[in-house]
Amino acid sequence: LRAQTPLAPVNSLVSTAEMATLWADMSLDVIRRSPGNTPTYASRSLACLGITMYECVVHSNPAYRSLVGQVNGLRELPRLEPGQAYNWLIVMNAGQAVMLDKLYPHAYRSTRCC
C-alpha cells in the first residue's frame, strides 16, 4: 500500500486509522470494478468487511466489545492466545485481505493475496 511508510507502533491509532481508510478505499474500488455486482451484494460485502475490520482490532482496547452474539449468525470467532502480543495493524490487514479475496475472488486475479 505505502511501502515507504514503516509500520507504526502496535497501538498507534493514527496508523491504524489510515490503514483502515486505505482498505476501505480498496474495497470500494474492487466493488466498483466487479462485473455483475449488485447493490445488495455490495452493501452486504461492505457490512462483512466492516465487521471483520472491527473484530480484528476489538481486543486492542478493553473498552471495545465484540459483536459476537449481537450480529445475526456471528456466534463464535477465534480467541486470543493468552500471553501473546499482537500487532493489531497486521491482524487487521490479514483479516481484510482474506475477506476481500473471499467476497470477490474474481477481482484482481493477478494480485490475489491467498
N, C-alpha and C. Protein backbone atom coordinates (compact mmCIF):
# COMPACT_ATOMS: atom_id res chain seq x y z
N LEU A 1 0.82 -1.18 0.00
CA LEU A 1 0.00 0.00 0.00
C LEU A 1 0.87 1.26 0.00
N ARG A 2 1.61 1.51 1.05
CA ARG A 2 2.60 2.59 1.06
C ARG A 2 3.90 2.00 1.58
N ALA A 3 4.65 1.41 0.68
CA ALA A 3 5.84 0.65 1.07
C ALA A 3 6.87 1.51 1.79
N GLN A 4 6.93 2.80 1.47
CA GLN A 4 7.94 3.64 2.10
C GLN A 4 7.58 4.01 3.53
N THR A 5 6.36 3.79 3.96
CA THR A 5 5.94 4.12 5.32
C THR A 5 6.21 2.92 6.23
N PRO A 6 7.07 3.07 7.25
CA PRO A 6 7.34 1.94 8.15
C PRO A 6 6.12 1.65 9.01
N LEU A 7 6.04 0.43 9.49
CA LEU A 7 4.96 0.08 10.41
C LEU A 7 5.07 0.91 11.67
N ALA A 8 3.96 1.43 12.09
CA ALA A 8 3.92 2.24 13.30
C ALA A 8 3.89 1.34 14.52
N PRO A 9 4.08 1.88 15.70
CA PRO A 9 3.96 1.08 16.92
C PRO A 9 2.60 0.39 16.98
N VAL A 10 2.56 -0.72 17.69
CA VAL A 10 1.36 -1.56 17.77
C VAL A 10 0.11 -0.77 18.11
N ASN A 11 0.17 0.16 19.03
CA ASN A 11 -1.02 0.86 19.50
C ASN A 11 -1.23 2.22 18.84
N SER A 12 -0.63 2.48 17.71
CA SER A 12 -0.76 3.76 17.05
C SER A 12 -2.12 3.85 16.36
N LEU A 13 -3.01 4.67 16.90
CA LEU A 13 -4.34 4.83 16.33
C LEU A 13 -4.31 5.53 15.00
N VAL A 14 -3.38 6.44 14.81
CA VAL A 14 -3.30 7.17 13.54
C VAL A 14 -2.98 6.21 12.41
N SER A 15 -1.98 5.38 12.58
CA SER A 15 -1.62 4.44 11.52
C SER A 15 -2.72 3.41 11.29
N THR A 16 -3.36 2.97 12.34
CA THR A 16 -4.45 2.02 12.18
C THR A 16 -5.61 2.67 11.43
N ALA A 17 -5.92 3.91 11.77
CA ALA A 17 -7.00 4.61 11.08
C ALA A 17 -6.65 4.84 9.61
N GLU A 18 -5.42 5.21 9.34
CA GLU A 18 -5.00 5.41 7.96
C GLU A 18 -5.10 4.10 7.17
N MET A 19 -4.64 3.02 7.78
CA MET A 19 -4.71 1.73 7.11
C MET A 19 -6.15 1.30 6.89
N ALA A 20 -7.01 1.55 7.85
CA ALA A 20 -8.42 1.22 7.69
C ALA A 20 -9.01 1.99 6.51
N THR A 21 -8.63 3.25 6.37
CA THR A 21 -9.12 4.06 5.25
C THR A 21 -8.61 3.53 3.92
N LEU A 22 -7.36 3.11 3.89
CA LEU A 22 -6.81 2.54 2.65
C LEU A 22 -7.55 1.25 2.27
N TRP A 23 -7.85 0.41 3.26
CA TRP A 23 -8.60 -0.81 2.98
C TRP A 23 -10.02 -0.48 2.50
N ALA A 24 -10.64 0.49 3.12
CA ALA A 24 -11.99 0.88 2.69
C ALA A 24 -11.96 1.39 1.26
N ASP A 25 -10.97 2.20 0.91
CA ASP A 25 -10.85 2.70 -0.46
C ASP A 25 -10.63 1.56 -1.44
N MET A 26 -9.77 0.61 -1.06
CA MET A 26 -9.51 -0.53 -1.95
C MET A 26 -10.78 -1.37 -2.12
N SER A 27 -11.50 -1.57 -1.04
CA SER A 27 -12.74 -2.36 -1.11
C SER A 27 -13.75 -1.70 -2.04
N LEU A 28 -13.89 -0.40 -1.92
CA LEU A 28 -14.82 0.32 -2.80
C LEU A 28 -14.38 0.23 -4.26
N ASP A 29 -13.08 0.29 -4.50
CA ASP A 29 -12.57 0.16 -5.86
C ASP A 29 -12.88 -1.23 -6.42
N VAL A 30 -12.66 -2.26 -5.63
CA VAL A 30 -12.97 -3.63 -6.07
C VAL A 30 -14.46 -3.77 -6.37
N ILE A 31 -15.28 -3.23 -5.50
CA ILE A 31 -16.74 -3.31 -5.69
C ILE A 31 -17.14 -2.59 -6.98
N ARG A 32 -16.61 -1.40 -7.21
CA ARG A 32 -16.95 -0.65 -8.43
C ARG A 32 -16.53 -1.38 -9.69
N ARG A 33 -15.39 -2.07 -9.66
CA ARG A 33 -14.84 -2.71 -10.85
C ARG A 33 -15.32 -4.15 -11.07
N SER A 34 -16.08 -4.66 -10.12
CA SER A 34 -16.51 -6.06 -10.23
C SER A 34 -17.73 -6.18 -11.14
N PRO A 35 -17.61 -6.99 -12.19
CA PRO A 35 -18.75 -7.16 -13.10
C PRO A 35 -19.88 -7.94 -12.43
N GLY A 36 -21.09 -7.55 -12.72
CA GLY A 36 -22.25 -8.27 -12.20
C GLY A 36 -22.51 -8.04 -10.73
N ASN A 37 -21.86 -7.07 -10.14
CA ASN A 37 -22.03 -6.78 -8.72
C ASN A 37 -23.37 -6.05 -8.52
N THR A 38 -24.19 -6.56 -7.64
CA THR A 38 -25.48 -5.92 -7.38
C THR A 38 -25.38 -5.01 -6.16
N PRO A 39 -26.26 -4.03 -6.05
CA PRO A 39 -26.25 -3.16 -4.86
C PRO A 39 -26.43 -3.95 -3.56
N THR A 40 -27.25 -4.98 -3.59
CA THR A 40 -27.48 -5.79 -2.40
C THR A 40 -26.19 -6.51 -1.99
N TYR A 41 -25.52 -7.15 -2.96
CA TYR A 41 -24.29 -7.86 -2.64
C TYR A 41 -23.21 -6.88 -2.17
N ALA A 42 -23.11 -5.74 -2.83
CA ALA A 42 -22.11 -4.74 -2.46
C ALA A 42 -22.33 -4.24 -1.03
N SER A 43 -23.57 -3.95 -0.68
CA SER A 43 -23.84 -3.44 0.67
C SER A 43 -23.57 -4.50 1.73
N ARG A 44 -23.92 -5.73 1.43
CA ARG A 44 -23.63 -6.81 2.39
C ARG A 44 -22.14 -7.07 2.51
N SER A 45 -21.44 -6.96 1.39
CA SER A 45 -19.99 -7.11 1.42
C SER A 45 -19.34 -6.04 2.28
N LEU A 46 -19.80 -4.81 2.13
CA LEU A 46 -19.26 -3.72 2.96
C LEU A 46 -19.54 -3.95 4.43
N ALA A 47 -20.71 -4.48 4.74
CA ALA A 47 -21.03 -4.80 6.14
C ALA A 47 -20.08 -5.87 6.67
N CYS A 48 -19.87 -6.93 5.89
CA CYS A 48 -18.95 -8.00 6.31
C CYS A 48 -17.53 -7.48 6.49
N LEU A 49 -17.08 -6.64 5.58
CA LEU A 49 -15.74 -6.08 5.68
C LEU A 49 -15.60 -5.18 6.91
N GLY A 50 -16.62 -4.40 7.17
CA GLY A 50 -16.59 -3.52 8.35
C GLY A 50 -16.58 -4.30 9.65
N ILE A 51 -17.40 -5.33 9.72
CA ILE A 51 -17.44 -6.17 10.92
C ILE A 51 -16.10 -6.88 11.10
N THR A 52 -15.54 -7.37 10.01
CA THR A 52 -14.23 -8.03 10.07
C THR A 52 -13.17 -7.07 10.58
N MET A 53 -13.16 -5.86 10.04
CA MET A 53 -12.17 -4.88 10.47
C MET A 53 -12.29 -4.61 11.97
N TYR A 54 -13.50 -4.41 12.43
CA TYR A 54 -13.73 -4.14 13.86
C TYR A 54 -13.31 -5.33 14.71
N GLU A 55 -13.73 -6.52 14.33
CA GLU A 55 -13.42 -7.70 15.13
C GLU A 55 -11.93 -8.00 15.15
N CYS A 56 -11.21 -7.59 14.12
CA CYS A 56 -9.76 -7.80 14.09
C CYS A 56 -9.03 -6.95 15.12
N VAL A 57 -9.61 -5.82 15.49
CA VAL A 57 -8.93 -4.93 16.44
C VAL A 57 -9.68 -4.78 17.76
N VAL A 58 -10.80 -5.46 17.92
CA VAL A 58 -11.64 -5.27 19.11
C VAL A 58 -10.90 -5.55 20.41
N HIS A 59 -9.97 -6.46 20.40
CA HIS A 59 -9.26 -6.81 21.63
C HIS A 59 -8.05 -5.91 21.89
N SER A 60 -7.86 -4.90 21.04
CA SER A 60 -6.75 -3.97 21.26
C SER A 60 -7.07 -2.95 22.34
N ASN A 61 -8.32 -2.87 22.72
CA ASN A 61 -8.75 -1.89 23.73
C ASN A 61 -9.79 -2.53 24.63
N PRO A 62 -9.57 -2.55 25.93
CA PRO A 62 -10.53 -3.19 26.84
C PRO A 62 -11.92 -2.54 26.82
N ALA A 63 -12.01 -1.32 26.34
CA ALA A 63 -13.31 -0.64 26.28
C ALA A 63 -14.16 -1.13 25.11
N TYR A 64 -13.53 -1.75 24.12
CA TYR A 64 -14.28 -2.25 22.96
C TYR A 64 -14.98 -3.55 23.32
N ARG A 65 -16.11 -3.81 22.68
CA ARG A 65 -16.88 -5.05 22.89
C ARG A 65 -17.09 -5.75 21.56
N SER A 66 -16.89 -7.03 21.56
CA SER A 66 -17.08 -7.84 20.36
C SER A 66 -18.55 -7.84 19.94
N LEU A 67 -18.77 -8.03 18.67
CA LEU A 67 -20.13 -8.12 18.13
C LEU A 67 -20.66 -9.55 18.14
N VAL A 68 -19.85 -10.49 18.62
CA VAL A 68 -20.30 -11.89 18.71
C VAL A 68 -21.56 -11.93 19.58
N GLY A 69 -22.58 -12.57 19.04
CA GLY A 69 -23.85 -12.68 19.74
C GLY A 69 -24.77 -11.48 19.52
N GLN A 70 -24.25 -10.43 18.92
CA GLN A 70 -25.06 -9.25 18.64
C GLN A 70 -25.45 -9.15 17.18
N VAL A 71 -24.64 -9.76 16.31
CA VAL A 71 -24.90 -9.76 14.87
C VAL A 71 -25.45 -11.12 14.50
N ASN A 72 -26.53 -11.13 13.76
CA ASN A 72 -27.18 -12.36 13.35
C ASN A 72 -26.18 -13.32 12.70
N GLY A 73 -26.04 -14.50 13.27
CA GLY A 73 -25.17 -15.53 12.71
C GLY A 73 -23.73 -15.47 13.19
N LEU A 74 -23.36 -14.43 13.90
CA LEU A 74 -21.98 -14.31 14.39
C LEU A 74 -21.93 -14.89 15.80
N ARG A 75 -21.66 -16.21 15.85
CA ARG A 75 -21.73 -16.92 17.13
C ARG A 75 -20.39 -17.10 17.81
N GLU A 76 -19.34 -17.20 17.00
CA GLU A 76 -18.03 -17.51 17.58
C GLU A 76 -16.93 -17.04 16.64
N LEU A 77 -15.85 -16.56 17.21
CA LEU A 77 -14.66 -16.17 16.46
C LEU A 77 -13.44 -16.74 17.17
N PRO A 78 -12.32 -16.83 16.47
CA PRO A 78 -11.10 -17.32 17.14
C PRO A 78 -10.76 -16.45 18.35
N ARG A 79 -10.24 -17.08 19.36
CA ARG A 79 -9.87 -16.37 20.60
C ARG A 79 -8.38 -16.04 20.59
N LEU A 80 -8.03 -15.04 21.37
CA LEU A 80 -6.62 -14.69 21.53
C LEU A 80 -5.90 -15.77 22.31
N GLU A 81 -4.62 -15.94 22.01
CA GLU A 81 -3.80 -16.86 22.79
C GLU A 81 -3.27 -16.10 24.00
N PRO A 82 -3.53 -16.59 25.21
CA PRO A 82 -3.06 -15.90 26.42
C PRO A 82 -1.54 -15.71 26.40
N GLY A 83 -1.12 -14.53 26.79
CA GLY A 83 0.31 -14.24 26.88
C GLY A 83 0.97 -13.83 25.57
N GLN A 84 0.25 -13.88 24.48
CA GLN A 84 0.81 -13.50 23.19
C GLN A 84 0.61 -12.01 22.93
N ALA A 85 1.59 -11.37 22.31
CA ALA A 85 1.47 -9.97 21.89
C ALA A 85 0.99 -9.96 20.45
N TYR A 86 0.11 -9.05 20.13
CA TYR A 86 -0.44 -8.95 18.78
C TYR A 86 -0.17 -7.58 18.19
N ASN A 87 0.17 -7.56 16.92
CA ASN A 87 0.28 -6.31 16.18
C ASN A 87 -1.06 -6.14 15.48
N TRP A 88 -1.90 -5.26 16.00
CA TRP A 88 -3.27 -5.13 15.53
C TRP A 88 -3.35 -4.64 14.09
N LEU A 89 -2.35 -3.91 13.64
CA LEU A 89 -2.32 -3.47 12.25
C LEU A 89 -2.16 -4.67 11.31
N ILE A 90 -1.31 -5.59 11.70
CA ILE A 90 -1.11 -6.80 10.89
C ILE A 90 -2.36 -7.68 10.94
N VAL A 91 -2.96 -7.79 12.11
CA VAL A 91 -4.19 -8.59 12.25
C VAL A 91 -5.28 -8.01 11.34
N MET A 92 -5.44 -6.69 11.37
CA MET A 92 -6.45 -6.05 10.53
C MET A 92 -6.14 -6.25 9.04
N ASN A 93 -4.89 -6.10 8.66
CA ASN A 93 -4.50 -6.32 7.26
C ASN A 93 -4.85 -7.73 6.81
N ALA A 94 -4.51 -8.70 7.63
CA ALA A 94 -4.78 -10.10 7.27
C ALA A 94 -6.27 -10.34 7.14
N GLY A 95 -7.05 -9.84 8.09
CA GLY A 95 -8.50 -10.04 8.04
C GLY A 95 -9.12 -9.42 6.80
N GLN A 96 -8.72 -8.20 6.49
CA GLN A 96 -9.29 -7.52 5.32
C GLN A 96 -8.88 -8.21 4.02
N ALA A 97 -7.63 -8.63 3.94
CA ALA A 97 -7.15 -9.30 2.73
C ALA A 97 -7.91 -10.60 2.48
N VAL A 98 -8.09 -11.38 3.53
CA VAL A 98 -8.80 -12.65 3.39
C VAL A 98 -10.26 -12.42 3.00
N MET A 99 -10.93 -11.50 3.70
CA MET A 99 -12.35 -11.27 3.42
C MET A 99 -12.58 -10.70 2.03
N LEU A 100 -11.76 -9.75 1.61
CA LEU A 100 -11.93 -9.16 0.28
C LEU A 100 -11.72 -10.23 -0.79
N ASP A 101 -10.75 -11.10 -0.57
CA ASP A 101 -10.50 -12.18 -1.51
C ASP A 101 -11.65 -13.20 -1.52
N LYS A 102 -12.23 -13.47 -0.37
CA LYS A 102 -13.35 -14.42 -0.30
C LYS A 102 -14.62 -13.84 -0.91
N LEU A 103 -14.86 -12.55 -0.69
CA LEU A 103 -16.06 -11.92 -1.22
C LEU A 103 -15.98 -11.63 -2.71
N TYR A 104 -14.78 -11.35 -3.20
CA TYR A 104 -14.58 -11.01 -4.61
C TYR A 104 -13.42 -11.81 -5.19
N PRO A 105 -13.56 -13.14 -5.26
CA PRO A 105 -12.44 -13.97 -5.73
C PRO A 105 -12.08 -13.72 -7.19
N HIS A 106 -13.00 -13.21 -7.96
CA HIS A 106 -12.76 -12.97 -9.38
C HIS A 106 -12.04 -11.64 -9.63
N ALA A 107 -11.96 -10.77 -8.64
CA ALA A 107 -11.36 -9.46 -8.80
C ALA A 107 -9.84 -9.54 -8.67
N TYR A 108 -9.15 -8.84 -9.53
CA TYR A 108 -7.72 -8.71 -9.45
C TYR A 108 -7.00 -10.04 -9.27
N ARG A 109 -7.29 -10.97 -10.15
CA ARG A 109 -6.69 -12.31 -10.06
C ARG A 109 -5.16 -12.24 -9.95
N SER A 110 -4.53 -11.27 -10.61
CA SER A 110 -3.07 -11.21 -10.58
C SER A 110 -2.53 -10.68 -9.26
N THR A 111 -3.38 -10.12 -8.42
CA THR A 111 -2.90 -9.58 -7.15
C THR A 111 -3.54 -10.27 -5.96
N ARG A 112 -4.08 -11.45 -6.17
CA ARG A 112 -4.73 -12.16 -5.05
C ARG A 112 -3.75 -12.41 -3.93
N CYS A 113 -4.28 -12.32 -2.73
CA CYS A 113 -3.41 -12.48 -1.56
C CYS A 113 -3.29 -13.92 -1.11
N CYS A 114 -4.27 -14.75 -1.40
CA CYS A 114 -4.29 -16.09 -0.81
C CYS A 114 -4.54 -17.16 -1.85
